N, C-alpha and C. Protein backbone atom coordinates (compact mmCIF):
# COMPACT_ATOMS: atom_id res chain seq x y z
N UNK A 1 0.83 -1.18 -0.12
CA UNK A 1 -0.06 0.02 0.02
C UNK A 1 0.87 1.29 -0.02
N UNK A 2 0.68 2.22 -0.90
CA UNK A 2 1.44 3.35 -0.99
C UNK A 2 1.11 4.36 0.04
N UNK A 3 2.03 5.03 0.56
CA UNK A 3 1.83 6.07 1.59
C UNK A 3 1.61 7.49 0.84
N UNK A 4 1.13 8.37 1.70
CA UNK A 4 0.85 9.82 1.16
C UNK A 4 2.15 10.32 0.53
N UNK A 5 3.29 10.17 1.20
CA UNK A 5 4.56 10.71 0.78
C UNK A 5 4.97 10.15 -0.49
N UNK A 6 4.71 8.72 -0.69
CA UNK A 6 5.25 8.03 -1.87
C UNK A 6 4.35 8.39 -3.12
N UNK A 7 3.05 8.73 -2.92
CA UNK A 7 2.19 9.03 -4.02
C UNK A 7 2.16 10.57 -4.35
N UNK A 8 2.50 11.30 -3.38
CA UNK A 8 2.51 12.80 -3.57
C UNK A 8 1.06 13.30 -3.42
N UNK A 9 0.20 12.58 -2.98
CA UNK A 9 -1.29 12.97 -2.75
C UNK A 9 -1.50 13.18 -1.27
N UNK A 10 -2.54 14.01 -0.99
CA UNK A 10 -2.94 14.17 0.34
C UNK A 10 -4.47 14.23 0.43
N UNK A 11 -4.90 13.94 1.53
CA UNK A 11 -6.41 13.92 1.75
C UNK A 11 -6.92 15.40 1.89
N UNK A 12 -8.19 15.58 1.61
CA UNK A 12 -8.80 16.91 1.77
C UNK A 12 -9.08 17.15 3.26
N UNK A 13 -8.83 18.36 3.62
CA UNK A 13 -9.08 18.74 5.04
C UNK A 13 -10.64 19.04 5.18
N UNK A 14 -11.04 19.12 6.42
CA UNK A 14 -12.49 19.43 6.70
C UNK A 14 -12.79 20.80 6.08
N UNK A 15 -11.91 21.68 6.23
CA UNK A 15 -12.13 23.06 5.67
C UNK A 15 -12.21 23.02 4.15
N UNK A 16 -11.51 22.23 3.48
CA UNK A 16 -11.57 22.08 2.00
C UNK A 16 -12.83 21.48 1.58
N UNK A 17 -13.37 20.48 2.35
CA UNK A 17 -14.60 19.83 1.97
C UNK A 17 -15.70 20.90 2.15
N UNK A 18 -15.75 21.64 3.27
CA UNK A 18 -16.76 22.52 3.48
C UNK A 18 -16.80 23.61 2.40
N UNK A 19 -15.53 24.08 2.01
CA UNK A 19 -15.43 25.11 0.93
C UNK A 19 -15.96 24.56 -0.38
N UNK A 20 -15.64 23.33 -0.72
CA UNK A 20 -16.08 22.78 -1.90
C UNK A 20 -17.71 22.73 -1.97
N UNK A 21 -18.32 22.31 -0.94
CA UNK A 21 -19.75 22.30 -0.98
C UNK A 21 -20.36 23.69 -0.95
N UNK A 22 -19.72 24.64 -0.25
CA UNK A 22 -20.21 26.01 -0.22
C UNK A 22 -20.19 26.62 -1.60
N UNK A 23 -19.02 26.39 -2.29
CA UNK A 23 -18.84 26.89 -3.66
C UNK A 23 -19.87 26.18 -4.71
N UNK A 24 -19.92 24.87 -4.53
CA UNK A 24 -20.60 24.04 -5.48
C UNK A 24 -22.21 24.46 -5.40
N UNK A 25 -22.75 24.74 -4.27
CA UNK A 25 -24.13 24.97 -4.06
C UNK A 25 -24.53 26.38 -3.67
N UNK A 26 -23.56 27.27 -3.88
CA UNK A 26 -23.75 28.68 -3.60
C UNK A 26 -24.19 29.02 -2.13
N UNK A 27 -23.52 28.42 -1.24
CA UNK A 27 -23.82 28.62 0.18
C UNK A 27 -22.79 29.43 0.76
N UNK A 28 -23.02 29.91 1.91
CA UNK A 28 -21.99 30.51 2.87
C UNK A 28 -21.24 29.32 3.47
N UNK A 29 -19.97 29.47 3.74
CA UNK A 29 -19.21 28.45 4.46
C UNK A 29 -19.91 28.00 5.72
N UNK A 30 -20.48 28.95 6.42
CA UNK A 30 -21.06 28.64 7.76
C UNK A 30 -22.34 27.76 7.57
N UNK A 31 -23.06 27.95 6.41
CA UNK A 31 -24.15 27.06 6.13
C UNK A 31 -23.74 25.67 5.83
N UNK A 32 -22.61 25.57 5.00
CA UNK A 32 -22.22 24.22 4.66
C UNK A 32 -21.67 23.57 5.88
N UNK A 33 -20.94 24.20 6.74
CA UNK A 33 -20.40 23.64 7.89
C UNK A 33 -21.65 23.18 8.82
N UNK A 34 -22.63 23.95 8.92
CA UNK A 34 -23.83 23.64 9.73
C UNK A 34 -24.60 22.35 9.11
N UNK A 35 -24.56 22.24 7.76
CA UNK A 35 -25.16 21.11 7.15
C UNK A 35 -24.37 19.81 7.65
N UNK A 36 -23.09 19.83 7.60
CA UNK A 36 -22.27 18.66 7.97
C UNK A 36 -22.41 18.32 9.51
N UNK A 37 -22.49 19.41 10.29
CA UNK A 37 -22.74 19.22 11.70
C UNK A 37 -24.05 18.58 11.94
N UNK A 38 -25.07 18.93 11.26
CA UNK A 38 -26.46 18.34 11.35
C UNK A 38 -26.53 16.97 10.85
N UNK A 39 -25.73 16.79 9.82
CA UNK A 39 -25.65 15.30 9.27
C UNK A 39 -25.03 14.37 10.34
N UNK A 40 -23.96 14.87 11.00
CA UNK A 40 -23.38 14.12 12.08
C UNK A 40 -24.23 13.90 13.31
N UNK A 41 -25.01 14.83 13.65
CA UNK A 41 -25.94 14.75 14.70
C UNK A 41 -27.05 13.80 14.31
N UNK A 42 -27.58 13.80 13.16
CA UNK A 42 -28.67 12.94 12.67
C UNK A 42 -28.09 11.42 12.66
N UNK A 43 -26.94 11.28 12.16
CA UNK A 43 -26.25 10.00 12.12
C UNK A 43 -26.14 9.42 13.55
N UNK A 44 -25.65 10.24 14.47
CA UNK A 44 -25.47 9.82 15.88
C UNK A 44 -26.81 9.39 16.47
N UNK A 45 -27.78 10.23 16.29
CA UNK A 45 -29.11 9.93 16.86
C UNK A 45 -29.79 8.67 16.32
N UNK A 46 -29.63 8.45 15.02
CA UNK A 46 -30.25 7.33 14.31
C UNK A 46 -29.45 6.06 14.79
N UNK A 47 -28.10 6.09 14.90
CA UNK A 47 -27.43 4.82 15.35
C UNK A 47 -27.80 4.58 16.78
N UNK A 48 -27.93 5.57 17.62
CA UNK A 48 -28.23 5.38 19.02
C UNK A 48 -29.66 4.78 19.08
N UNK A 49 -30.54 5.29 18.32
CA UNK A 49 -31.96 4.82 18.35
C UNK A 49 -32.22 3.55 17.66
N UNK A 50 -31.66 3.36 16.39
CA UNK A 50 -31.99 2.22 15.60
C UNK A 50 -30.98 1.29 15.38
N UNK A 51 -29.75 1.59 15.74
CA UNK A 51 -28.61 0.73 15.54
C UNK A 51 -27.89 0.88 14.17
N UNK A 52 -28.43 1.74 13.28
CA UNK A 52 -27.73 1.94 12.07
C UNK A 52 -28.24 3.21 11.39
N UNK A 53 -27.43 3.75 10.50
CA UNK A 53 -27.77 5.03 9.78
C UNK A 53 -27.25 4.86 8.35
N UNK A 54 -28.22 4.90 7.45
CA UNK A 54 -27.87 4.73 5.98
C UNK A 54 -27.55 6.12 5.40
N UNK A 55 -26.36 6.20 4.72
CA UNK A 55 -26.04 7.38 4.03
C UNK A 55 -26.12 7.08 2.52
N UNK A 56 -27.20 7.40 1.81
CA UNK A 56 -27.41 6.90 0.48
C UNK A 56 -26.19 7.30 -0.47
N UNK A 57 -25.79 6.26 -1.24
CA UNK A 57 -24.65 6.49 -2.14
C UNK A 57 -23.31 6.17 -1.56
N UNK A 58 -23.23 6.04 -0.15
CA UNK A 58 -22.00 5.75 0.51
C UNK A 58 -21.99 4.43 1.13
N UNK A 59 -22.98 4.23 2.09
CA UNK A 59 -23.04 2.98 2.85
C UNK A 59 -23.84 3.30 4.08
N UNK A 60 -23.48 2.54 5.19
CA UNK A 60 -24.20 2.71 6.47
C UNK A 60 -23.23 2.58 7.67
N UNK A 61 -23.62 3.29 8.65
CA UNK A 61 -22.97 3.16 10.04
C UNK A 61 -23.79 2.17 10.75
N UNK A 62 -23.19 1.17 11.41
CA UNK A 62 -23.83 0.16 12.07
C UNK A 62 -23.20 0.01 13.48
N UNK A 63 -24.10 -0.08 14.52
CA UNK A 63 -23.63 -0.43 15.84
C UNK A 63 -23.38 -1.92 15.92
N UNK A 64 -22.25 -2.35 16.46
CA UNK A 64 -21.90 -3.62 16.49
C UNK A 64 -21.40 -4.17 17.98
N UNK A 65 -21.78 -5.31 18.38
CA UNK A 65 -21.41 -5.84 19.69
C UNK A 65 -20.20 -6.78 19.46
N UNK A 66 -19.19 -6.61 20.14
CA UNK A 66 -17.95 -7.52 20.15
C UNK A 66 -18.12 -8.41 21.35
N UNK A 67 -17.95 -9.71 21.23
CA UNK A 67 -17.94 -10.64 22.30
C UNK A 67 -16.66 -10.60 23.19
N UNK A 68 -16.72 -10.99 24.38
CA UNK A 68 -15.51 -11.07 25.23
C UNK A 68 -14.66 -12.20 24.62
N UNK A 69 -13.31 -11.98 24.65
CA UNK A 69 -12.46 -12.97 24.16
C UNK A 69 -11.09 -12.98 24.88
N UNK A 70 -10.28 -14.02 24.55
CA UNK A 70 -8.94 -14.11 25.06
C UNK A 70 -7.96 -13.45 24.06
N UNK A 71 -6.98 -12.83 24.67
CA UNK A 71 -5.90 -12.14 23.87
C UNK A 71 -4.61 -12.39 24.51
N UNK A 72 -3.64 -11.76 23.92
CA UNK A 72 -2.22 -11.97 24.56
C UNK A 72 -1.63 -10.49 24.73
N UNK A 73 -0.96 -10.31 25.78
CA UNK A 73 -0.23 -9.12 26.00
C UNK A 73 0.97 -9.22 25.11
N UNK A 74 1.12 -8.29 24.18
CA UNK A 74 2.32 -8.46 23.17
C UNK A 74 3.68 -8.29 23.84
N UNK A 75 3.81 -7.55 24.97
CA UNK A 75 4.99 -7.42 25.61
C UNK A 75 5.50 -8.59 26.42
N UNK A 76 4.49 -9.20 27.05
CA UNK A 76 4.87 -10.37 27.97
C UNK A 76 4.44 -11.73 27.42
N UNK A 77 3.51 -11.77 26.50
CA UNK A 77 3.02 -13.06 25.98
C UNK A 77 1.90 -13.58 26.85
N UNK A 78 1.60 -12.96 27.99
CA UNK A 78 0.64 -13.40 28.94
C UNK A 78 -0.75 -13.36 28.33
N UNK A 79 -1.57 -14.39 28.58
CA UNK A 79 -2.93 -14.45 28.14
C UNK A 79 -3.78 -13.50 29.02
N UNK A 80 -4.60 -12.76 28.37
CA UNK A 80 -5.42 -11.73 29.05
C UNK A 80 -6.90 -11.80 28.54
N UNK A 81 -7.85 -11.46 29.45
CA UNK A 81 -9.26 -11.41 29.01
C UNK A 81 -9.61 -10.04 28.40
N UNK A 82 -10.14 -10.00 27.21
CA UNK A 82 -10.57 -8.76 26.60
C UNK A 82 -12.12 -8.69 26.84
N UNK A 83 -12.61 -7.67 27.46
CA UNK A 83 -14.03 -7.64 27.77
C UNK A 83 -14.90 -7.34 26.46
N UNK A 84 -16.20 -7.72 26.53
CA UNK A 84 -17.12 -7.46 25.46
C UNK A 84 -17.29 -5.89 25.35
N UNK A 85 -17.54 -5.36 24.17
CA UNK A 85 -17.82 -3.94 24.08
C UNK A 85 -18.59 -3.67 22.86
N UNK A 86 -19.13 -2.43 22.76
CA UNK A 86 -19.93 -2.02 21.65
C UNK A 86 -19.08 -1.10 20.75
N UNK A 87 -19.07 -1.37 19.43
CA UNK A 87 -18.27 -0.59 18.54
C UNK A 87 -19.12 -0.03 17.33
N UNK A 88 -18.53 0.78 16.55
CA UNK A 88 -19.24 1.40 15.39
C UNK A 88 -18.58 1.02 14.19
N UNK A 89 -19.24 0.46 13.20
CA UNK A 89 -18.61 0.08 11.88
C UNK A 89 -19.26 0.84 10.76
N UNK A 90 -18.47 1.09 9.67
CA UNK A 90 -18.97 1.66 8.47
C UNK A 90 -18.93 0.59 7.40
N UNK A 91 -20.05 0.27 6.91
CA UNK A 91 -20.11 -0.61 5.73
C UNK A 91 -20.37 0.05 4.42
N UNK A 92 -19.41 -0.04 3.62
CA UNK A 92 -19.42 0.66 2.30
C UNK A 92 -20.46 0.06 1.45
N UNK A 93 -21.28 0.87 0.75
CA UNK A 93 -22.35 0.36 -0.16
C UNK A 93 -21.74 -0.12 -1.45
N UNK A 94 -22.46 -1.02 -2.09
CA UNK A 94 -22.00 -1.65 -3.26
C UNK A 94 -21.61 -0.64 -4.44
N UNK A 95 -22.54 0.31 -4.60
CA UNK A 95 -22.27 1.23 -5.68
C UNK A 95 -20.98 2.06 -5.46
N UNK A 96 -20.71 2.45 -4.23
CA UNK A 96 -19.47 3.15 -3.89
C UNK A 96 -18.34 2.30 -4.15
N UNK A 97 -18.43 1.05 -3.63
CA UNK A 97 -17.31 0.15 -3.84
C UNK A 97 -17.07 -0.15 -5.26
N UNK A 98 -18.06 -0.35 -6.07
CA UNK A 98 -17.84 -0.63 -7.49
C UNK A 98 -17.22 0.64 -8.17
N UNK A 99 -17.59 1.78 -7.74
CA UNK A 99 -17.09 3.03 -8.39
C UNK A 99 -15.63 3.26 -7.95
N UNK A 100 -15.28 3.08 -6.82
CA UNK A 100 -13.92 3.29 -6.29
C UNK A 100 -12.99 2.12 -6.69
N UNK A 101 -13.49 0.93 -6.58
CA UNK A 101 -12.72 -0.28 -6.89
C UNK A 101 -13.33 -1.04 -7.98
N UNK A 102 -13.13 -0.54 -9.22
CA UNK A 102 -13.72 -1.26 -10.35
C UNK A 102 -13.27 -2.64 -10.53
N UNK A 103 -14.03 -3.53 -11.01
CA UNK A 103 -13.65 -4.90 -11.22
C UNK A 103 -12.58 -4.95 -12.39
N UNK A 104 -11.62 -5.89 -12.13
CA UNK A 104 -10.51 -6.01 -13.18
C UNK A 104 -10.95 -6.86 -14.33
């Protein structure tokens, strides 16, 4: 896997994403930022309430339960118990996956 330095590419910053949408849709930057803030709040509320949030065209956020399991302390090799916990996963939608990773 190539690193950012090796490819010469970098990811967009939050500010650049907000600027892009503000320019694209003729909004003020503050309105575009507010839109993303509200989307994050909506996603958070939906995952809390329903266990998942679908973002059309991208995929969905899903609350997931991990079972308790045995693991190893990498420093000592000692067996340890890892407790059960709740995590959040993002499942990429098929259309996004097919667009980004076209079949060979």
